[in-house]
N, C-alpha and C. Protein backbone atom coordinates (compact mmCIF):
# COMPACT_ATOMS: atom_id res chain seq x y z
N MET A 1 89.27 228.02 69.40
CA MET A 1 88.12 227.48 68.71
C MET A 1 88.18 227.95 67.26
N ASN A 2 88.24 227.00 66.35
CA ASN A 2 88.32 227.37 64.94
C ASN A 2 86.94 227.35 64.29
N TYR A 3 86.90 227.70 63.03
CA TYR A 3 85.63 227.84 62.32
C TYR A 3 84.90 226.50 62.20
N GLU A 4 85.64 225.43 61.91
CA GLU A 4 84.99 224.13 61.72
C GLU A 4 84.30 223.66 63.00
N THR A 5 84.93 223.85 64.13
CA THR A 5 84.34 223.46 65.41
C THR A 5 83.09 224.28 65.69
N LEU A 6 83.17 225.56 65.48
CA LEU A 6 82.02 226.43 65.71
C LEU A 6 80.88 226.12 64.74
N ALA A 7 81.19 225.86 63.49
CA ALA A 7 80.17 225.53 62.51
C ALA A 7 79.50 224.20 62.85
N HIS A 8 80.27 223.22 63.27
CA HIS A 8 79.69 221.93 63.66
C HIS A 8 78.77 222.09 64.87
N PHE A 9 79.20 222.87 65.86
CA PHE A 9 78.37 223.12 67.03
C PHE A 9 77.07 223.83 66.64
N ALA A 10 77.17 224.82 65.76
CA ALA A 10 75.99 225.57 65.34
C ALA A 10 75.03 224.69 64.54
N HIS A 11 75.55 223.81 63.72
CA HIS A 11 74.69 222.95 62.91
C HIS A 11 73.95 221.94 63.76
N THR A 12 74.59 221.40 64.77
CA THR A 12 73.93 220.37 65.57
C THR A 12 73.05 221.00 66.65
N TRP A 13 73.61 221.78 67.53
CA TRP A 13 72.84 222.32 68.64
C TRP A 13 71.96 223.49 68.23
N GLY A 14 72.31 224.18 67.18
CA GLY A 14 71.44 225.24 66.67
C GLY A 14 70.14 224.67 66.13
N LEU A 15 70.23 223.55 65.45
CA LEU A 15 69.03 222.90 64.95
C LEU A 15 68.15 222.41 66.10
N VAL A 16 68.76 221.83 67.10
CA VAL A 16 68.00 221.37 68.28
C VAL A 16 67.32 222.55 68.94
N TYR A 17 68.04 223.65 69.10
CA TYR A 17 67.48 224.85 69.72
C TYR A 17 66.27 225.36 68.94
N LEU A 18 66.38 225.44 67.62
CA LEU A 18 65.29 225.96 66.80
C LEU A 18 64.08 225.02 66.82
N VAL A 19 64.30 223.72 66.84
CA VAL A 19 63.19 222.77 66.91
C VAL A 19 62.46 222.90 68.24
N VAL A 20 63.20 223.02 69.33
CA VAL A 20 62.59 223.19 70.65
C VAL A 20 61.84 224.52 70.72
N LEU A 21 62.42 225.57 70.18
CA LEU A 21 61.76 226.87 70.15
C LEU A 21 60.47 226.81 69.34
N PHE A 22 60.49 226.16 68.18
CA PHE A 22 59.31 226.02 67.34
C PHE A 22 58.23 225.23 68.06
N ALA A 23 58.60 224.15 68.74
CA ALA A 23 57.62 223.35 69.49
C ALA A 23 57.02 224.18 70.63
N GLY A 24 57.82 225.00 71.29
CA GLY A 24 57.31 225.86 72.35
C GLY A 24 56.33 226.90 71.84
N VAL A 25 56.61 227.48 70.70
CA VAL A 25 55.71 228.46 70.11
C VAL A 25 54.40 227.79 69.69
N LEU A 26 54.49 226.61 69.10
CA LEU A 26 53.27 225.88 68.74
C LEU A 26 52.43 225.56 69.96
N PHE A 27 53.08 225.10 71.02
CA PHE A 27 52.35 224.79 72.25
C PHE A 27 51.68 226.04 72.80
N TYR A 28 52.40 227.16 72.81
CA TYR A 28 51.84 228.42 73.32
C TYR A 28 50.64 228.86 72.49
N ALA A 29 50.73 228.75 71.18
CA ALA A 29 49.67 229.26 70.32
C ALA A 29 48.47 228.33 70.24
N LEU A 30 48.66 227.04 70.39
CA LEU A 30 47.58 226.09 70.18
C LEU A 30 46.97 225.53 71.46
N ARG A 31 47.40 226.01 72.60
CA ARG A 31 46.82 225.51 73.85
C ARG A 31 45.39 226.03 73.98
N PRO A 32 44.50 225.21 74.54
CA PRO A 32 43.08 225.58 74.60
C PRO A 32 42.81 226.85 75.42
N SER A 33 43.59 227.11 76.44
CA SER A 33 43.31 228.28 77.28
C SER A 33 43.66 229.60 76.59
N ALA A 34 44.40 229.57 75.50
CA ALA A 34 44.77 230.80 74.79
C ALA A 34 43.78 231.16 73.69
N ARG A 35 42.81 230.30 73.44
CA ARG A 35 41.89 230.51 72.33
C ARG A 35 41.13 231.83 72.45
N ALA A 36 40.59 232.12 73.61
CA ALA A 36 39.80 233.35 73.78
C ALA A 36 40.66 234.60 73.57
N LYS A 37 41.87 234.57 74.08
CA LYS A 37 42.77 235.73 73.93
C LYS A 37 43.10 235.99 72.46
N PHE A 38 43.39 234.92 71.72
CA PHE A 38 43.75 235.10 70.31
C PHE A 38 42.54 235.45 69.46
N GLU A 39 41.37 234.93 69.79
CA GLU A 39 40.16 235.31 69.05
C GLU A 39 39.82 236.79 69.29
N ASP A 40 40.00 237.26 70.51
CA ASP A 40 39.78 238.67 70.80
C ASP A 40 40.78 239.55 70.06
N ALA A 41 42.03 239.13 70.01
CA ALA A 41 43.05 239.90 69.31
C ALA A 41 42.79 239.90 67.79
N ALA A 42 42.21 238.84 67.27
CA ALA A 42 41.93 238.77 65.84
C ALA A 42 40.80 239.72 65.45
N GLN A 43 39.95 240.10 66.39
CA GLN A 43 38.83 240.98 66.09
C GLN A 43 39.16 242.46 66.26
N ILE A 44 40.34 242.80 66.71
CA ILE A 44 40.71 244.19 66.95
C ILE A 44 40.55 245.07 65.70
N PRO A 45 40.99 244.63 64.50
CA PRO A 45 40.83 245.51 63.34
C PRO A 45 39.39 245.81 62.97
N PHE A 46 38.45 244.97 63.39
CA PHE A 46 37.06 245.14 63.01
C PHE A 46 36.23 245.90 64.05
N LYS A 47 36.81 246.22 65.19
CA LYS A 47 36.08 246.92 66.24
C LYS A 47 36.00 248.40 65.91
N GLU A 48 34.87 248.99 66.20
CA GLU A 48 34.68 250.44 66.03
C GLU A 48 35.16 251.14 67.30
N ASP A 49 35.81 252.25 67.12
CA ASP A 49 36.30 253.00 68.29
C ASP A 49 35.21 253.85 68.88
């Protein structure tokens, strides 16, 4: 396997991988059932111990 073959594979399938990963992270963060968990986590710095 030479550099050109590896670079072509990384450019095509690497981009697909990153797009799928980005879509998965967006889905995880923006799903309605996660809202309460993230709102609670956002208030942690303001809570008194």
